Amino acid sequence: MIWAYILIYLPILLFVVAFLYETYLSFARLRGKSRHRYVDATWEVTHTLLIFGVVMLLMLFTKSIDVISDAIFIPTFLAATALLIRAACYIQIFYVREKPNINWTDWTFAFSHVAAALLLVVVVIKSTWLLVTEHPEANLQFIPAFMPGLALVLAICAIPIYVIYSNK
């Protein structure tokens, strides 16, 4: 069962670390203290980790998918809404806006990171609580097939993040 939890929580933990750095960069931009322009590709890479963790949760606990989805639907929907707001602000700031003046869009962009992060923490806590208290049966037969997938996803995500952060 420990491998099922590794498949779920390792990519989510790595996502949280990267997302916190992205949140830091979004607020550093507001103060003009960031030497970095907001790193473009990281959110695609880090969201790959988040999606992998969520897919593992759902694939490993298919027999309890209705209970899990009922427990995490509202905070997941609200987190997705915060991420959608973040994406819209990102497009406005980095692709549409001609002057680099800080305005309400930049503040909305920064605080949408915080909202998404908090809501995603709620999702993780609720799903963890459900796994600990309800003890749903895991589909352990999938673990040997998913472990190489985890290694591949980690490699695919680590290389671009290393290149991006080491060059900026």
N, C-alpha and C. Protein backbone atom coordinates (compact mmCIF):
# COMPACT_ATOMS: atom_id res chain seq x y z
N MET A 1 0.83 -1.20 0.00
CA MET A 1 0.00 0.00 0.00
C MET A 1 0.86 1.25 0.00
N ILE A 2 2.08 1.16 0.55
CA ILE A 2 2.97 2.33 0.59
C ILE A 2 3.28 2.82 -0.81
N TRP A 3 3.40 1.90 -1.78
CA TRP A 3 3.69 2.31 -3.15
C TRP A 3 2.52 3.08 -3.76
N ALA A 4 1.32 2.75 -3.38
CA ALA A 4 0.16 3.51 -3.86
C ALA A 4 0.24 4.95 -3.36
N TYR A 5 0.61 5.12 -2.10
CA TYR A 5 0.74 6.47 -1.55
C TYR A 5 1.91 7.22 -2.17
N ILE A 6 2.99 6.52 -2.49
CA ILE A 6 4.13 7.17 -3.16
C ILE A 6 3.71 7.66 -4.54
N LEU A 7 2.96 6.84 -5.27
CA LEU A 7 2.49 7.25 -6.60
C LEU A 7 1.60 8.48 -6.54
N ILE A 8 0.86 8.63 -5.46
CA ILE A 8 -0.04 9.78 -5.33
C ILE A 8 0.69 11.00 -4.78
N TYR A 9 1.40 10.81 -3.66
CA TYR A 9 1.90 11.96 -2.91
C TYR A 9 3.25 12.50 -3.37
N LEU A 10 4.12 11.69 -3.95
CA LEU A 10 5.41 12.19 -4.42
C LEU A 10 5.25 13.26 -5.49
N PRO A 11 4.48 13.01 -6.55
CA PRO A 11 4.31 14.08 -7.55
C PRO A 11 3.58 15.30 -6.98
N ILE A 12 2.63 15.08 -6.07
CA ILE A 12 1.91 16.21 -5.50
C ILE A 12 2.84 17.04 -4.61
N LEU A 13 3.70 16.38 -3.85
CA LEU A 13 4.68 17.10 -3.03
C LEU A 13 5.63 17.93 -3.90
N LEU A 14 6.12 17.35 -4.98
CA LEU A 14 7.00 18.09 -5.89
C LEU A 14 6.26 19.25 -6.54
N PHE A 15 4.99 19.04 -6.88
CA PHE A 15 4.17 20.14 -7.41
C PHE A 15 4.09 21.28 -6.41
N VAL A 16 3.84 20.96 -5.15
CA VAL A 16 3.69 21.99 -4.13
C VAL A 16 4.97 22.82 -4.01
N VAL A 17 6.12 22.16 -4.01
CA VAL A 17 7.39 22.88 -3.91
C VAL A 17 7.55 23.84 -5.09
N ALA A 18 7.33 23.35 -6.31
CA ALA A 18 7.46 24.20 -7.49
C ALA A 18 6.41 25.31 -7.51
N PHE A 19 5.20 24.99 -7.09
CA PHE A 19 4.13 26.00 -7.10
C PHE A 19 4.40 27.10 -6.07
N LEU A 20 4.97 26.73 -4.93
CA LEU A 20 5.33 27.75 -3.94
C LEU A 20 6.41 28.68 -4.50
N TYR A 21 7.34 28.15 -5.26
CA TYR A 21 8.35 29.00 -5.89
C TYR A 21 7.70 29.93 -6.91
N GLU A 22 6.77 29.41 -7.70
CA GLU A 22 6.05 30.25 -8.65
C GLU A 22 5.27 31.35 -7.93
N THR A 23 4.67 31.01 -6.79
CA THR A 23 3.94 32.00 -5.99
C THR A 23 4.89 33.07 -5.49
N TYR A 24 6.05 32.66 -5.00
CA TYR A 24 7.07 33.62 -4.57
C TYR A 24 7.43 34.56 -5.71
N LEU A 25 7.67 34.02 -6.91
CA LEU A 25 8.03 34.86 -8.06
C LEU A 25 6.92 35.85 -8.41
N SER A 26 5.67 35.40 -8.28
CA SER A 26 4.56 36.30 -8.63
C SER A 26 4.48 37.49 -7.68
N PHE A 27 4.79 37.28 -6.40
CA PHE A 27 4.80 38.40 -5.45
C PHE A 27 6.09 39.21 -5.55
N ALA A 28 7.20 38.57 -5.87
CA ALA A 28 8.46 39.30 -6.04
C ALA A 28 8.35 40.27 -7.22
N ARG A 29 7.62 39.90 -8.25
CA ARG A 29 7.38 40.80 -9.38
C ARG A 29 6.69 42.08 -8.92
N LEU A 30 5.75 41.95 -7.98
CA LEU A 30 5.00 43.12 -7.52
C LEU A 30 5.88 44.13 -6.80
N ARG A 31 6.88 43.63 -6.11
CA ARG A 31 7.79 44.51 -5.37
C ARG A 31 8.97 44.95 -6.22
N GLY A 32 9.07 44.41 -7.42
CA GLY A 32 10.19 44.75 -8.29
C GLY A 32 11.49 44.13 -7.82
N LYS A 33 11.41 43.14 -6.93
CA LYS A 33 12.61 42.54 -6.37
C LYS A 33 12.99 41.25 -7.09
N SER A 34 12.21 40.85 -8.02
CA SER A 34 12.54 39.62 -8.73
C SER A 34 13.52 39.93 -9.85
N ARG A 35 14.63 39.22 -9.84
CA ARG A 35 15.58 39.35 -10.93
C ARG A 35 15.10 38.53 -12.12
N HIS A 36 14.14 37.68 -11.88
CA HIS A 36 13.65 36.78 -12.91
C HIS A 36 12.33 37.31 -13.46
N ARG A 37 12.16 37.15 -14.75
CA ARG A 37 10.83 37.32 -15.29
C ARG A 37 10.07 36.07 -14.87
N TYR A 38 8.80 36.15 -14.73
CA TYR A 38 8.02 34.98 -14.32
C TYR A 38 8.35 33.84 -15.28
N VAL A 39 8.70 32.72 -14.73
CA VAL A 39 9.17 31.61 -15.54
C VAL A 39 8.00 30.99 -16.30
N ASP A 40 8.06 31.10 -17.62
CA ASP A 40 6.93 30.73 -18.48
C ASP A 40 6.53 29.27 -18.40
N ALA A 41 7.45 28.37 -18.58
CA ALA A 41 7.09 26.96 -18.78
C ALA A 41 6.85 26.19 -17.50
N THR A 42 7.20 26.75 -16.35
CA THR A 42 7.13 25.94 -15.14
C THR A 42 5.72 25.53 -14.80
N TRP A 43 4.75 26.37 -15.05
CA TRP A 43 3.42 25.96 -14.63
C TRP A 43 2.92 24.79 -15.45
N GLU A 44 3.32 24.67 -16.71
CA GLU A 44 2.94 23.49 -17.48
C GLU A 44 3.60 22.24 -16.92
N VAL A 45 4.88 22.37 -16.59
CA VAL A 45 5.62 21.23 -16.06
C VAL A 45 5.07 20.83 -14.69
N THR A 46 4.88 21.81 -13.81
CA THR A 46 4.42 21.48 -12.47
C THR A 46 2.98 20.96 -12.48
N HIS A 47 2.16 21.45 -13.37
CA HIS A 47 0.79 20.93 -13.43
C HIS A 47 0.78 19.49 -13.93
N THR A 48 1.78 19.11 -14.71
CA THR A 48 1.90 17.71 -15.11
C THR A 48 2.05 16.82 -13.88
N LEU A 49 2.83 17.29 -12.91
CA LEU A 49 3.00 16.53 -11.66
C LEU A 49 1.68 16.44 -10.90
N LEU A 50 0.96 17.55 -10.81
CA LEU A 50 -0.32 17.56 -10.11
C LEU A 50 -1.31 16.60 -10.78
N ILE A 51 -1.38 16.68 -12.08
CA ILE A 51 -2.32 15.82 -12.81
C ILE A 51 -1.95 14.35 -12.63
N PHE A 52 -0.65 14.04 -12.66
CA PHE A 52 -0.23 12.65 -12.45
C PHE A 52 -0.68 12.16 -11.08
N GLY A 53 -0.48 12.97 -10.04
CA GLY A 53 -0.88 12.58 -8.69
C GLY A 53 -2.38 12.35 -8.57
N VAL A 54 -3.15 13.23 -9.18
CA VAL A 54 -4.62 13.10 -9.11
C VAL A 54 -5.08 11.87 -9.91
N VAL A 55 -4.48 11.66 -11.07
CA VAL A 55 -4.84 10.49 -11.87
C VAL A 55 -4.50 9.21 -11.10
N MET A 56 -3.37 9.21 -10.40
CA MET A 56 -3.01 8.03 -9.61
C MET A 56 -4.04 7.80 -8.50
N LEU A 57 -4.47 8.86 -7.84
CA LEU A 57 -5.49 8.74 -6.81
C LEU A 57 -6.75 8.08 -7.38
N LEU A 58 -7.17 8.55 -8.52
CA LEU A 58 -8.40 8.03 -9.11
C LEU A 58 -8.22 6.64 -9.70
N MET A 59 -7.08 6.36 -10.31
CA MET A 59 -6.84 5.04 -10.90
C MET A 59 -6.61 3.96 -9.85
N LEU A 60 -5.95 4.32 -8.77
CA LEU A 60 -5.66 3.32 -7.74
C LEU A 60 -6.86 3.04 -6.84
N PHE A 61 -7.81 3.95 -6.83
CA PHE A 61 -8.99 3.78 -5.97
C PHE A 61 -10.28 3.87 -6.80
N THR A 62 -10.31 3.15 -7.93
CA THR A 62 -11.47 3.22 -8.82
C THR A 62 -12.74 2.70 -8.16
N LYS A 63 -12.61 1.76 -7.25
CA LYS A 63 -13.80 1.22 -6.59
C LYS A 63 -14.46 2.25 -5.67
N SER A 64 -13.70 3.27 -5.29
CA SER A 64 -14.22 4.30 -4.39
C SER A 64 -14.25 5.68 -5.05
N ILE A 65 -14.22 5.70 -6.36
CA ILE A 65 -14.12 6.97 -7.08
C ILE A 65 -15.31 7.89 -6.79
N ASP A 66 -16.48 7.32 -6.59
CA ASP A 66 -17.65 8.15 -6.29
C ASP A 66 -17.52 8.82 -4.93
N VAL A 67 -17.01 8.11 -3.95
CA VAL A 67 -16.82 8.68 -2.61
C VAL A 67 -15.72 9.74 -2.63
N ILE A 68 -14.63 9.44 -3.32
CA ILE A 68 -13.52 10.40 -3.41
C ILE A 68 -13.96 11.66 -4.14
N SER A 69 -14.62 11.50 -5.27
CA SER A 69 -15.04 12.68 -6.03
C SER A 69 -16.05 13.51 -5.26
N ASP A 70 -16.91 12.86 -4.49
CA ASP A 70 -17.86 13.61 -3.67
C ASP A 70 -17.14 14.43 -2.60
N ALA A 71 -16.08 13.86 -2.05
CA ALA A 71 -15.34 14.55 -0.98
C ALA A 71 -14.53 15.74 -1.49
N ILE A 72 -14.01 15.65 -2.71
CA ILE A 72 -13.09 16.69 -3.18
C ILE A 72 -13.65 17.58 -4.29
N PHE A 73 -14.89 17.38 -4.70
CA PHE A 73 -15.42 18.12 -5.85
C PHE A 73 -15.38 19.64 -5.66
N ILE A 74 -15.96 20.15 -4.60
CA ILE A 74 -16.06 21.60 -4.40
C ILE A 74 -14.69 22.27 -4.33
N PRO A 75 -13.77 21.82 -3.46
CA PRO A 75 -12.47 22.50 -3.44
C PRO A 75 -11.69 22.32 -4.74
N THR A 76 -11.86 21.20 -5.43
CA THR A 76 -11.19 21.01 -6.71
C THR A 76 -11.74 21.97 -7.75
N PHE A 77 -13.05 22.13 -7.79
CA PHE A 77 -13.68 23.06 -8.73
C PHE A 77 -13.23 24.49 -8.45
N LEU A 78 -13.18 24.88 -7.17
CA LEU A 78 -12.75 26.23 -6.82
C LEU A 78 -11.26 26.44 -7.14
N ALA A 79 -10.44 25.41 -6.93
CA ALA A 79 -9.02 25.51 -7.28
C ALA A 79 -8.86 25.66 -8.79
N ALA A 80 -9.63 24.92 -9.55
CA ALA A 80 -9.58 25.05 -11.00
C ALA A 80 -10.00 26.45 -11.44
N THR A 81 -10.98 27.02 -10.76
CA THR A 81 -11.41 28.39 -11.05
C THR A 81 -10.28 29.38 -10.77
N ALA A 82 -9.59 29.21 -9.64
CA ALA A 82 -8.45 30.08 -9.31
C ALA A 82 -7.35 29.93 -10.36
N LEU A 83 -7.10 28.71 -10.81
CA LEU A 83 -6.09 28.49 -11.84
C LEU A 83 -6.51 29.10 -13.18
N LEU A 84 -7.81 29.09 -13.47
CA LEU A 84 -8.31 29.72 -14.69
C LEU A 84 -8.13 31.24 -14.62
N ILE A 85 -8.41 31.83 -13.48
CA ILE A 85 -8.19 33.27 -13.29
C ILE A 85 -6.71 33.58 -13.44
N ARG A 86 -5.88 32.74 -12.85
CA ARG A 86 -4.43 32.91 -12.96
C ARG A 86 -3.99 32.87 -14.42
N ALA A 87 -4.52 31.93 -15.18
CA ALA A 87 -4.16 31.80 -16.60
C ALA A 87 -4.59 33.03 -17.39
N ALA A 88 -5.79 33.53 -17.13
CA ALA A 88 -6.27 34.72 -17.83
C ALA A 88 -5.39 35.94 -17.51
N CYS A 89 -5.03 36.08 -16.25
CA CYS A 89 -4.16 37.19 -15.85
C CYS A 89 -2.77 37.04 -16.47
N TYR A 90 -2.28 35.82 -16.52
CA TYR A 90 -0.98 35.56 -17.11
C TYR A 90 -0.95 35.99 -18.57
N ILE A 91 -1.98 35.62 -19.31
CA ILE A 91 -2.05 36.01 -20.73
C ILE A 91 -2.10 37.53 -20.86
N GLN A 92 -2.89 38.17 -20.02
CA GLN A 92 -2.99 39.63 -20.07
C GLN A 92 -1.64 40.29 -19.75
N ILE A 93 -0.98 39.82 -18.71
CA ILE A 93 0.27 40.45 -18.25
C ILE A 93 1.41 40.23 -19.24
N PHE A 94 1.59 39.01 -19.70
CA PHE A 94 2.79 38.67 -20.46
C PHE A 94 2.61 38.66 -21.98
N TYR A 95 1.36 38.68 -22.47
CA TYR A 95 1.17 38.62 -23.91
C TYR A 95 0.34 39.76 -24.48
N VAL A 96 -0.53 40.38 -23.70
CA VAL A 96 -1.41 41.41 -24.22
C VAL A 96 -0.93 42.80 -23.83
N ARG A 97 -0.64 43.00 -22.58
CA ARG A 97 -0.27 44.31 -22.06
C ARG A 97 1.03 44.80 -22.70
N GLU A 98 1.01 46.09 -23.09
CA GLU A 98 2.18 46.66 -23.73
C GLU A 98 3.12 47.33 -22.74
N LYS A 99 2.59 47.93 -21.67
CA LYS A 99 3.43 48.60 -20.67
C LYS A 99 3.57 47.70 -19.45
N PRO A 100 4.77 47.62 -18.88
CA PRO A 100 4.98 46.72 -17.74
C PRO A 100 4.57 47.30 -16.38
N ASN A 101 3.62 48.23 -16.37
CA ASN A 101 3.17 48.82 -15.10
C ASN A 101 2.41 47.78 -14.27
N ILE A 102 2.67 47.82 -12.97
CA ILE A 102 1.96 46.92 -12.04
C ILE A 102 0.58 47.50 -11.77
N ASN A 103 -0.46 46.67 -11.96
CA ASN A 103 -1.83 47.12 -11.70
C ASN A 103 -2.63 45.98 -11.07
N TRP A 104 -3.94 46.12 -11.05
CA TRP A 104 -4.81 45.15 -10.40
C TRP A 104 -4.66 43.75 -11.00
N THR A 105 -4.34 43.66 -12.28
CA THR A 105 -4.17 42.36 -12.92
C THR A 105 -3.01 41.60 -12.30
N ASP A 106 -1.92 42.32 -12.01
CA ASP A 106 -0.76 41.69 -11.39
C ASP A 106 -1.08 41.21 -9.98
N TRP A 107 -1.83 42.02 -9.24
CA TRP A 107 -2.23 41.62 -7.89
C TRP A 107 -3.18 40.43 -7.93
N THR A 108 -4.11 40.43 -8.88
CA THR A 108 -5.02 39.30 -9.03
C THR A 108 -4.24 38.05 -9.40
N PHE A 109 -3.26 38.20 -10.28
CA PHE A 109 -2.40 37.09 -10.67
C PHE A 109 -1.70 36.50 -9.45
N ALA A 110 -1.11 37.35 -8.63
CA ALA A 110 -0.37 36.88 -7.44
C ALA A 110 -1.31 36.20 -6.44
N PHE A 111 -2.44 36.84 -6.16
CA PHE A 111 -3.35 36.26 -5.17
C PHE A 111 -4.09 35.03 -5.68
N SER A 112 -4.20 34.89 -7.00
CA SER A 112 -4.80 33.65 -7.54
C SER A 112 -3.89 32.46 -7.26
N HIS A 113 -2.57 32.70 -7.18
CA HIS A 113 -1.65 31.63 -6.77
C HIS A 113 -1.99 31.17 -5.35
N VAL A 114 -2.18 32.14 -4.47
CA VAL A 114 -2.46 31.82 -3.07
C VAL A 114 -3.78 31.07 -2.95
N ALA A 115 -4.80 31.56 -3.64
CA ALA A 115 -6.11 30.90 -3.59
C ALA A 115 -6.01 29.47 -4.12
N ALA A 116 -5.36 29.30 -5.26
CA ALA A 116 -5.22 27.95 -5.83
C ALA A 116 -4.44 27.04 -4.88
N ALA A 117 -3.36 27.56 -4.31
CA ALA A 117 -2.56 26.75 -3.40
C ALA A 117 -3.36 26.32 -2.18
N LEU A 118 -4.08 27.25 -1.57
CA LEU A 118 -4.87 26.92 -0.39
C LEU A 118 -5.96 25.90 -0.72
N LEU A 119 -6.62 26.10 -1.83
CA LEU A 119 -7.68 25.16 -2.21
C LEU A 119 -7.12 23.78 -2.55
N LEU A 120 -5.96 23.75 -3.18
CA LEU A 120 -5.35 22.45 -3.47
C LEU A 120 -4.90 21.75 -2.19
N VAL A 121 -4.48 22.51 -1.21
CA VAL A 121 -4.16 21.91 0.09
C VAL A 121 -5.42 21.30 0.71
N VAL A 122 -6.54 21.99 0.59
CA VAL A 122 -7.80 21.44 1.09
C VAL A 122 -8.13 20.13 0.37
N VAL A 123 -7.92 20.08 -0.94
CA VAL A 123 -8.18 18.86 -1.70
C VAL A 123 -7.31 17.72 -1.18
N VAL A 124 -6.03 17.99 -0.98
CA VAL A 124 -5.11 16.95 -0.50
C VAL A 124 -5.51 16.50 0.90
N ILE A 125 -5.84 17.43 1.77
CA ILE A 125 -6.24 17.08 3.14
C ILE A 125 -7.52 16.25 3.14
N LYS A 126 -8.50 16.68 2.35
CA LYS A 126 -9.77 15.94 2.30
C LYS A 126 -9.58 14.54 1.73
N SER A 127 -8.78 14.42 0.67
CA SER A 127 -8.58 13.09 0.10
C SER A 127 -7.74 12.22 1.03
N THR A 128 -6.76 12.80 1.70
CA THR A 128 -5.96 12.04 2.67
C THR A 128 -6.82 11.60 3.83
N TRP A 129 -7.66 12.48 4.33
CA TRP A 129 -8.56 12.13 5.43
C TRP A 129 -9.46 10.96 5.02
N LEU A 130 -9.96 11.03 3.81
CA LEU A 130 -10.82 9.96 3.33
C LEU A 130 -10.05 8.64 3.24
N LEU A 131 -8.82 8.68 2.73
CA LEU A 131 -8.02 7.46 2.63
C LEU A 131 -7.70 6.88 4.00
N VAL A 132 -7.44 7.75 4.97
CA VAL A 132 -7.06 7.29 6.32
C VAL A 132 -8.27 6.78 7.09
N THR A 133 -9.39 7.45 6.98
CA THR A 133 -10.55 7.08 7.79
C THR A 133 -11.42 6.00 7.15
N GLU A 134 -11.58 6.06 5.85
CA GLU A 134 -12.48 5.12 5.16
C GLU A 134 -11.77 3.84 4.71
N HIS A 135 -10.47 3.88 4.56
CA HIS A 135 -9.66 2.74 4.12
C HIS A 135 -10.22 2.11 2.84
N PRO A 136 -10.36 2.90 1.77
CA PRO A 136 -10.86 2.28 0.53
C PRO A 136 -9.84 1.28 -0.01
N GLU A 137 -10.35 0.31 -0.72
CA GLU A 137 -9.50 -0.73 -1.28
C GLU A 137 -8.77 -0.19 -2.51
N ALA A 138 -7.45 -0.35 -2.52
CA ALA A 138 -6.64 0.11 -3.65
C ALA A 138 -6.50 -1.00 -4.68
N ASN A 139 -6.40 -0.60 -5.93
CA ASN A 139 -6.15 -1.53 -7.03
C ASN A 139 -4.64 -1.74 -7.14
N LEU A 140 -4.09 -2.58 -6.29
CA LEU A 140 -2.65 -2.76 -6.19
C LEU A 140 -2.05 -3.43 -7.43
N GLN A 141 -2.85 -4.07 -8.24
CA GLN A 141 -2.32 -4.72 -9.43
C GLN A 141 -1.79 -3.71 -10.44
N PHE A 142 -2.20 -2.44 -10.34
CA PHE A 142 -1.74 -1.41 -11.28
C PHE A 142 -0.36 -0.85 -10.91
N ILE A 143 0.07 -1.03 -9.68
CA ILE A 143 1.30 -0.39 -9.20
C ILE A 143 2.52 -0.74 -10.06
N PRO A 144 2.76 -2.01 -10.41
CA PRO A 144 3.93 -2.29 -11.25
C PRO A 144 3.91 -1.56 -12.59
N ALA A 145 2.74 -1.35 -13.13
CA ALA A 145 2.64 -0.63 -14.41
C ALA A 145 2.82 0.88 -14.24
N PHE A 146 2.39 1.40 -13.09
CA PHE A 146 2.45 2.85 -12.88
C PHE A 146 3.82 3.34 -12.40
N MET A 147 4.63 2.48 -11.78
CA MET A 147 5.94 2.92 -11.27
C MET A 147 6.86 3.42 -12.38
N PRO A 148 6.98 2.71 -13.52
CA PRO A 148 7.79 3.28 -14.61
C PRO A 148 7.21 4.60 -15.13
N GLY A 149 5.89 4.72 -15.08
CA GLY A 149 5.26 5.98 -15.48
C GLY A 149 5.65 7.12 -14.58
N LEU A 150 5.72 6.86 -13.27
CA LEU A 150 6.16 7.88 -12.33
C LEU A 150 7.60 8.29 -12.63
N ALA A 151 8.47 7.31 -12.86
CA ALA A 151 9.87 7.62 -13.17
C ALA A 151 9.97 8.45 -14.45
N LEU A 152 9.19 8.11 -15.46
CA LEU A 152 9.20 8.85 -16.71
C LEU A 152 8.68 10.28 -16.52
N VAL A 153 7.59 10.43 -15.80
CA VAL A 153 7.03 11.77 -15.56
C VAL A 153 8.01 12.62 -14.76
N LEU A 154 8.64 12.05 -13.75
CA LEU A 154 9.62 12.81 -12.97
C LEU A 154 10.79 13.24 -13.83
N ALA A 155 11.27 12.37 -14.70
CA ALA A 155 12.38 12.73 -15.59
C ALA A 155 11.96 13.80 -16.59
N ILE A 156 10.78 13.63 -17.17
CA ILE A 156 10.30 14.61 -18.15
C ILE A 156 10.11 15.98 -17.51
N CYS A 157 9.68 16.01 -16.25
CA CYS A 157 9.47 17.28 -15.55
C CYS A 157 10.77 17.87 -15.00
N ALA A 158 11.68 17.02 -14.55
CA ALA A 158 12.91 17.51 -13.91
C ALA A 158 13.84 18.20 -14.91
N ILE A 159 13.93 17.67 -16.09
CA ILE A 159 14.87 18.23 -17.07
C ILE A 159 14.50 19.66 -17.46
N PRO A 160 13.26 19.93 -17.87
CA PRO A 160 12.92 21.33 -18.22
C PRO A 160 13.03 22.29 -17.02
N ILE A 161 12.61 21.83 -15.85
CA ILE A 161 12.70 22.71 -14.67
C ILE A 161 14.16 23.04 -14.38
N TYR A 162 15.03 22.06 -14.44
CA TYR A 162 16.45 22.31 -14.21
C TYR A 162 17.00 23.30 -15.23
N VAL A 163 16.70 23.09 -16.50
CA VAL A 163 17.20 23.97 -17.56
C VAL A 163 16.67 25.39 -17.39
N ILE A 164 15.38 25.52 -17.11
CA ILE A 164 14.77 26.84 -16.96
C ILE A 164 15.35 27.59 -15.79
N TYR A 165 15.38 26.95 -14.62
CA TYR A 165 15.84 27.64 -13.42
C TYR A 165 17.35 27.87 -13.41
N SER A 166 18.12 27.01 -14.06
CA SER A 166 19.56 27.22 -14.07
C SER A 166 19.98 28.31 -15.05
N ASN A 167 19.13 28.61 -16.03
CA ASN A 167 19.45 29.64 -17.02
C ASN A 167 18.87 31.01 -16.69
N LYS A 168 17.98 31.11 -15.73
CA LYS A 168 17.30 32.40 -15.48
C LYS A 168 17.79 33.00 -14.20
